[in-house]
Protein backbone atom coordinates (compact mmCIF):
# COMPACT_ATOMS: atom_id res chain seq x y z
CA MET A 1 28.51 -104.46 -41.48
CA GLY A 2 31.88 -104.75 -39.43
CA GLU A 3 34.68 -102.30 -40.30
CA VAL A 4 36.83 -103.49 -43.40
CA LEU A 5 40.33 -103.79 -42.98
CA THR A 6 42.71 -101.95 -45.15
CA GLN A 7 45.55 -103.67 -46.70
CA ALA A 8 48.07 -101.81 -44.60
CA GLU A 9 46.15 -103.27 -41.65
CA ILE A 10 46.24 -106.93 -43.19
CA GLU A 11 49.73 -106.59 -43.85
CA ALA A 12 50.46 -105.53 -40.06
CA LEU A 13 48.60 -108.57 -39.00
CA LEU A 14 50.24 -111.12 -41.00
CA ALA A 15 53.59 -109.48 -39.66
CA GLY A 16 52.47 -110.10 -36.14
CA VAL A 17 52.09 -113.87 -36.70
CA PRO A 18 55.15 -115.36 -35.32
CA ALA A 19 57.48 -117.72 -37.32
CA SER A 20 58.03 -121.23 -36.18
CA GLY A 21 59.66 -121.26 -32.70
CA ALA A 22 59.61 -117.40 -32.50
CA ALA A 23 58.28 -115.74 -29.23
CA THR A 24 54.56 -114.76 -29.36
CA GLN A 25 53.74 -111.09 -29.48
CA VAL A 26 50.66 -109.26 -29.22
CA ALA A 27 49.52 -107.90 -32.63
CA ARG A 28 48.47 -104.16 -32.77
CA LYS A 29 47.83 -101.51 -35.30
CA PRO A 30 50.77 -99.65 -36.81
CA ASP A 31 49.48 -96.45 -35.22
CA GLU A 32 49.30 -97.81 -31.90
CA PRO A 33 51.88 -96.87 -29.24
CA ALA A 34 54.39 -99.66 -28.33
CA ALA A 35 53.60 -99.12 -24.59
CA ALA A 36 49.83 -100.06 -25.12
CA GLY A 37 51.28 -103.49 -26.60
CA ARG A 38 53.34 -103.85 -23.59
CA ARG A 39 50.38 -103.47 -21.34
CA ARG A 40 48.59 -106.08 -23.15
CA GLN A 41 51.27 -108.74 -22.32
CA THR A 42 51.11 -108.01 -18.75
CA VAL A 43 50.03 -111.25 -17.11
CA ARG A 44 48.97 -111.97 -13.33
CA GLU A 45 49.51 -115.42 -11.81
CA TYR A 46 46.03 -116.82 -10.55
CA ASN A 47 45.65 -120.08 -8.61
CA PHE A 48 42.65 -121.97 -9.48
CA ARG A 49 42.87 -124.37 -6.88
CA SER A 50 43.02 -121.78 -4.25
CA PRO A 51 41.62 -118.46 -5.28
CA ASN A 52 41.77 -115.63 -2.85
CA LYS A 53 38.30 -114.24 -1.96
CA PHE A 54 39.51 -111.55 0.31
CA SER A 55 42.12 -108.85 -0.17
CA ARG A 56 45.14 -108.36 2.01
CA ASP A 57 43.50 -105.30 3.83
CA GLN A 58 40.46 -107.34 4.53
CA LEU A 59 42.38 -110.23 5.85
CA ARG A 60 44.27 -107.69 7.95
CA ALA A 61 40.82 -106.60 9.45
CA LEU A 62 39.80 -109.99 10.01
CA GLN A 63 43.14 -110.39 12.02
CA MET A 64 42.58 -107.41 14.18
CA VAL A 65 39.12 -108.76 15.00
CA HIS A 66 40.55 -111.86 16.19
CA GLU A 67 43.34 -110.20 18.03
CA THR A 68 40.82 -108.69 20.19
CA PHE A 69 39.18 -111.98 20.44
CA GLY A 70 42.17 -113.59 21.84
CA ARG A 71 42.77 -110.68 24.44
CA GLN A 72 39.19 -111.43 25.76
CA LEU A 73 39.76 -115.01 25.81
CA SER A 74 42.96 -114.57 27.74
CA THR A 75 41.05 -112.53 30.32
CA ALA A 76 38.17 -114.68 30.60
CA PHE A 77 39.84 -117.82 31.41
CA ALA A 78 42.95 -116.59 33.44
CA ALA A 79 40.82 -116.86 36.69
CA SER A 80 39.13 -119.97 36.26
CA LEU A 81 42.05 -121.87 35.09
CA ARG A 82 44.42 -120.25 37.94
CA SER A 83 47.16 -119.51 35.68
CA PRO A 84 48.50 -117.14 33.37
CA VAL A 85 46.35 -117.43 29.91
CA HIS A 86 47.39 -116.21 26.31
CA PHE A 87 45.56 -116.83 22.91
CA ASP A 88 47.90 -115.38 20.44
CA ILE A 89 47.23 -115.48 16.51
CA VAL A 90 49.73 -117.68 14.64
CA SER A 91 48.19 -117.15 11.17
CA THR A 92 45.29 -115.89 9.25
CA GLN A 93 45.06 -117.24 5.67
CA GLN A 94 42.71 -118.30 2.86
CA LEU A 95 42.82 -122.06 1.83
CA PRO A 96 40.46 -124.79 0.40
CA TYR A 97 38.24 -126.50 3.16
CA GLN A 98 39.63 -130.07 2.60
CA GLU A 99 42.98 -128.65 2.88
CA PHE A 100 42.36 -127.21 6.15
CA MET A 101 40.31 -130.51 7.38
CA ASP A 102 43.40 -132.52 6.22
CA LEU A 103 45.70 -130.30 9.05
CA LEU A 104 43.50 -131.62 11.82
CA THR A 105 44.54 -134.81 13.73
CA SER A 106 43.15 -135.12 17.47
CA SER A 107 40.24 -132.45 17.66
CA ILE A 108 37.13 -131.39 19.42
CA ILE A 109 35.10 -129.48 16.96
CA TYR A 110 32.10 -127.41 17.73
CA ILE A 111 29.77 -126.37 14.52
CA PHE A 112 28.23 -123.15 14.92
CA SER A 113 26.07 -120.50 13.17
CA ALA A 114 26.36 -116.71 13.94
CA PRO A 115 23.23 -114.98 12.73
CA PRO A 116 22.70 -112.68 10.90
CA LEU A 117 25.32 -114.49 8.91
CA GLU A 118 23.95 -117.44 7.16
CA GLY A 119 25.85 -120.69 7.24
CA PRO A 120 27.83 -122.78 9.65
CA MET A 121 31.30 -122.17 10.95
CA LEU A 122 33.96 -124.16 13.09
CA LEU A 123 35.70 -123.72 16.44
CA GLU A 124 38.17 -126.34 16.60
CA ILE A 125 40.09 -127.15 19.87
CA HIS A 126 42.82 -129.64 19.96
CA SER A 127 42.07 -132.67 22.18
CA GLY A 128 45.05 -132.13 24.24
CA LEU A 129 44.17 -128.40 25.12
CA GLY A 130 40.65 -129.45 25.66
CA LEU A 131 41.47 -132.07 28.09
CA TYR A 132 43.88 -129.87 29.69
CA ILE A 133 41.19 -127.00 30.08
CA LEU A 134 38.74 -129.83 31.76
CA GLU A 135 41.35 -130.96 34.00
CA ARG A 136 42.11 -127.30 35.27
CA LEU A 137 38.59 -126.60 35.75
CA LEU A 138 37.95 -129.73 37.77
CA GLY A 139 40.85 -128.80 40.37
CA GLY A 140 43.70 -130.80 38.56
CA PHE A 141 46.86 -129.87 36.83
CA GLY A 142 46.91 -132.29 34.02
CA SER A 143 48.96 -131.85 30.74
CA MET A 144 48.32 -130.89 27.22
CA THR A 145 50.36 -134.17 26.00
CA ALA A 146 47.81 -136.40 27.88
CA THR A 147 45.23 -138.20 25.46
CA VAL A 148 42.60 -140.93 25.95
CA ASP A 149 41.53 -143.47 23.65
CA ARG A 150 37.94 -143.40 24.42
CA ALA A 151 34.64 -141.04 24.10
CA LEU A 152 34.23 -138.05 26.05
CA THR A 153 31.93 -138.60 29.15
CA GLU A 154 28.58 -136.75 29.12
CA ILE A 155 29.96 -134.83 31.97
CA GLU A 156 33.02 -134.01 30.17
CA ARG A 157 31.09 -132.91 27.07
CA THR A 158 28.81 -130.72 29.07
CA ILE A 159 31.66 -128.93 30.83
CA LEU A 160 33.63 -128.43 27.29
CA HIS A 161 30.32 -127.37 25.77
CA SER A 162 30.16 -124.48 28.34
CA VAL A 163 33.75 -123.60 27.48
CA ALA A 164 32.89 -123.47 23.89
CA GLU A 165 30.02 -121.24 24.77
CA ARG A 166 32.13 -118.94 26.70
CA MET A 167 34.56 -118.64 23.78
CA LEU A 168 31.71 -117.70 21.23
CA ASP A 169 30.54 -115.16 23.50
CA ALA A 170 33.91 -113.63 23.39
CA LEU A 171 33.96 -113.83 19.52
CA ALA A 172 30.51 -111.99 19.46
CA SER A 173 31.97 -109.21 21.51
CA ALA A 174 34.97 -109.04 19.22
CA TRP A 175 32.85 -108.52 16.22
CA SER A 176 30.61 -106.29 17.89
CA ALA A 177 32.21 -103.12 16.34
CA MET A 178 31.23 -104.37 12.88
CA VAL A 179 28.52 -106.78 13.16
CA ASP A 180 26.00 -107.80 15.95
CA LEU A 181 26.63 -111.75 15.94
CA ARG A 182 24.67 -113.90 17.86
CA PRO A 183 26.62 -117.38 17.59
CA ARG A 184 25.18 -120.61 18.97
CA ILE A 185 26.44 -124.07 18.86
CA GLU A 186 24.79 -126.29 16.52
CA GLY A 187 26.65 -129.76 16.91
CA THR A 188 29.87 -131.24 18.20
CA GLU A 189 32.44 -133.94 16.73
CA THR A 190 35.61 -135.48 17.39
CA ASP A 191 36.31 -136.98 13.74
CA PRO A 192 37.08 -134.15 11.14
CA GLN A 193 36.15 -136.57 8.34
CA PHE A 194 32.47 -136.32 9.66
CA VAL A 195 32.44 -132.76 9.48
CA GLN A 196 31.35 -131.12 6.00
CA ILE A 197 29.97 -127.61 6.07
CA VAL A 198 31.14 -126.48 2.82
CA GLN A 199 32.42 -128.33 -0.49
CA PRO A 200 35.97 -129.41 -0.37
CA THR A 201 37.09 -126.84 -2.85
CA GLU A 202 35.41 -124.05 -1.21
CA THR A 203 37.74 -121.23 0.21
CA ILE A 204 37.94 -120.61 3.99
CA VAL A 205 39.43 -118.14 6.32
CA ALA A 206 41.52 -120.30 8.94
CA VAL A 207 42.52 -118.32 12.13
CA LEU A 208 45.22 -120.68 13.85
CA PHE A 209 45.77 -119.54 17.72
CA GLU A 210 48.68 -120.61 19.87
CA VAL A 211 47.12 -121.10 23.51
CA LYS A 212 49.76 -120.85 26.48
CA ILE A 213 48.23 -121.90 29.90
CA GLY A 214 51.07 -121.65 32.38
CA GLU A 215 54.11 -123.66 30.94
CA GLU A 216 51.64 -125.87 28.58
CA THR A 217 51.08 -124.85 24.99
CA GLY A 218 48.36 -125.91 22.64
CA THR A 219 46.37 -124.79 19.60
CA MET A 220 42.91 -123.66 18.48
CA ASN A 221 41.55 -123.05 15.09
CA LEU A 222 38.60 -120.60 13.86
CA CYS A 223 37.42 -121.89 10.42
CA MET A 224 34.95 -119.42 8.52
CA PRO A 225 33.75 -120.05 4.96
CA CYS A 226 34.35 -117.16 2.70
CA VAL A 227 30.70 -117.65 1.30
CA VAL A 228 29.52 -117.04 4.97
CA LEU A 229 31.71 -113.70 5.18
CA GLU A 230 30.86 -112.44 1.86
CA PRO A 231 27.89 -110.39 2.87
CA ILE A 232 29.96 -108.16 5.29
CA ALA A 233 33.01 -108.11 2.95
CA SER A 234 32.50 -104.32 2.35
CA LYS A 235 32.80 -103.81 6.28
CA LEU A 236 36.06 -105.75 6.36
CA SER A 237 38.61 -102.83 6.28
CA ALA A 238 41.38 -102.24 8.76
CA GLN A 239 40.79 -98.29 8.55
CA GLN A 240 36.96 -98.91 9.19
CA TRP A 241 37.86 -101.54 12.10
CA LEU A 242 40.27 -98.86 13.85
CA THR A 243 37.42 -96.19 13.43
CA SER A 244 34.66 -98.17 14.71
CA THR A 245 36.59 -99.16 17.66
CA ARG A 246 37.16 -95.65 18.63
CA LYS A 247 33.78 -94.47 19.40
CA PRO A 248 33.56 -91.62 21.81
CA ALA A 249 32.11 -92.26 25.06
CA THR A 250 28.24 -91.38 25.44
CA GLU A 251 26.33 -90.88 28.52
CA GLN A 252 24.79 -94.19 28.39
CA THR A 253 28.42 -95.66 28.38
CA ILE A 254 29.84 -93.26 31.03
CA ALA A 255 26.62 -94.49 33.28
CA ALA A 256 27.28 -98.18 32.74
CA LEU A 257 30.87 -97.87 33.69
CA GLN A 258 30.20 -95.87 36.72
CA ALA A 259 27.81 -98.36 37.73
CA ARG A 260 30.18 -101.38 37.33
CA LEU A 261 32.70 -99.36 39.12
CA ALA A 262 30.52 -98.75 42.08
CA GLN A 263 30.17 -102.41 42.50
CA THR A 264 33.91 -103.16 42.45
CA THR A 265 35.30 -104.10 45.74
CA ALA A 266 38.88 -103.20 46.64
CA GLU A 267 41.03 -104.10 49.66
CA ALA A 268 41.70 -101.30 51.98
CA SER A 269 44.60 -101.55 54.83
CA VAL A 270 46.07 -99.29 57.32
CA VAL A 271 49.56 -99.50 58.57
CA LEU A 272 49.85 -98.45 62.09
CA GLY A 273 53.56 -98.65 61.73
CA GLU A 274 56.82 -100.55 61.16
CA ALA A 275 59.84 -101.76 63.44
CA ARG A 276 62.94 -103.48 62.95
CA LEU A 277 63.58 -106.36 65.22
CA SER A 278 66.87 -108.83 65.18
CA MET A 279 66.19 -112.41 64.98
CA ARG A 280 67.20 -113.04 68.52
CA GLU A 281 64.74 -110.20 69.84
CA LEU A 282 61.97 -111.92 67.76
CA VAL A 283 62.57 -115.29 69.20
CA HIS A 284 62.61 -114.06 72.66
CA LEU A 285 59.28 -112.05 72.21
CA LYS A 286 56.57 -112.98 74.87
CA PRO A 287 53.23 -111.76 75.94
CA GLY A 288 53.53 -108.21 77.80
CA ASP A 289 56.61 -107.23 75.46
CA VAL A 290 56.40 -103.62 73.99
CA ILE A 291 57.49 -103.13 70.33
CA VAL A 292 58.44 -99.29 69.63
CA LEU A 293 56.95 -98.37 66.14
CA ASP A 294 58.35 -95.72 63.82
CA ARG A 295 55.46 -93.53 64.24
CA SER A 296 54.28 -91.08 66.64
CA THR A 297 50.68 -91.22 68.11
CA ASN A 298 50.28 -87.72 66.34
CA ASP A 299 51.69 -88.87 62.90
CA PRO A 300 48.89 -89.51 60.23
CA LEU A 301 48.70 -93.18 59.09
CA VAL A 302 48.73 -94.25 55.59
CA MET A 303 45.83 -96.11 53.93
CA ARG A 304 46.51 -98.40 51.30
CA ILE A 305 43.95 -99.33 48.44
CA ALA A 306 44.94 -102.61 46.52
CA GLY A 307 48.40 -102.25 47.95
CA ARG A 308 48.87 -98.63 46.76
CA PRO A 309 49.06 -95.76 49.36
CA LYS A 310 46.14 -93.48 48.62
CA PHE A 311 45.01 -91.57 51.68
CA HIS A 312 46.29 -90.19 55.01
CA VAL A 313 44.20 -91.12 57.98
CA ARG A 314 43.75 -90.56 61.71
CA PRO A 315 42.95 -93.65 63.95
CA GLY A 316 39.81 -93.48 66.06
CA LEU A 317 36.88 -95.43 67.50
CA VAL A 318 33.19 -95.69 66.20
CA GLY A 319 31.31 -97.39 68.98
CA LYS A 320 33.40 -100.23 70.05
CA ARG A 321 34.89 -100.78 66.56
CA MET A 322 38.36 -99.56 65.41
CA ALA A 323 38.06 -96.91 62.59
CA VAL A 324 40.06 -94.11 60.48
CA ARG A 325 39.17 -90.83 59.25
CA VAL A 326 40.42 -89.78 56.11
CA GLU A 327 42.29 -86.40 56.13
CA SER A 328 43.97 -85.92 52.68
CA LEU A 329 44.67 -87.42 49.46
CA ILE A 330 48.29 -89.14 48.77
CA ARG A 331 48.93 -88.01 45.21
CA SER A 332 51.50 -90.51 44.10
CA THR A 333 53.51 -89.86 40.60
CA ALA A 334 55.05 -93.21 40.75
CA PRO A 335 53.91 -96.76 41.34
CA ASP A 336 56.50 -97.49 43.99
CA GLU A 337 56.77 -94.14 45.71
CA GLU A 338 57.19 -94.47 49.06
CA GLU A 339 54.33 -94.39 51.47
CA GLY A 340 53.82 -91.33 53.44
CA ASN A 341 55.15 -88.93 50.75
CA PRO A 342 52.30 -86.68 49.46
């Protein structure tokens, strides 16, 4: 049987009932502290149409992961597009899936999976950006404002498919400190209304990138349903991300770096000397003229590696081929240190 209220408790409850038009209060026992009553009145706003699945710290961890993703994309595409490339994060936010899709206009959408995570995700590239990348890869210049009112050809689809695969490889590399993802493209679509990977009210994490290629600017989005990321939610911590990315070098990583460096090529050049000529002297040069250089035959020469002075050398011959012999290392302390100063 439940506890029987005393007369005093009944009167206290009746006293707590508000009169008509009075403010609502929380009833409490006579001996209950006033602070406890105030605690019960504390409320927190909650938007049921857009519930937040991840904390601010978890969103910060996701942003840090995709900042790394953006840097890797910038490096990967700079050479192939023959221009400076920057993938910069504009925002990382949680919102309903339908609201995200309503923001898309002209897009090339790649639906991909990323085992061991279960469920589809989206890589959305604005069509202007996609066509501009395509134009640059094919040797043209193009513009991100250019659009075409037609379906992509099979060749265009194949080239852009390979671009998306390179992006997903960079995504897997960025996530490798937390989880070993194996992304693969499952489908392609150009009309957002035909892409339904989760229910319209499901919450997703959308990462918006601003893409700058030379003077042109476009956008790209990454859409990850929260239900797909929930299995690794415990790993989404900014502190854990920083810790996991600062692993000490092992013998295997050192050996791998040394092997990669051993295969790296660098341009080596030797400057025999310099001379200053007037324009009149330069115009009147003819075969047989002798130009006096600023170095003696007994002075050591400077060898430059990738444009930087690195060694003092002596000229000579190996068989019938010109050669130099390294004599000493130039220990530079400033990037623009004058050549010849050890």
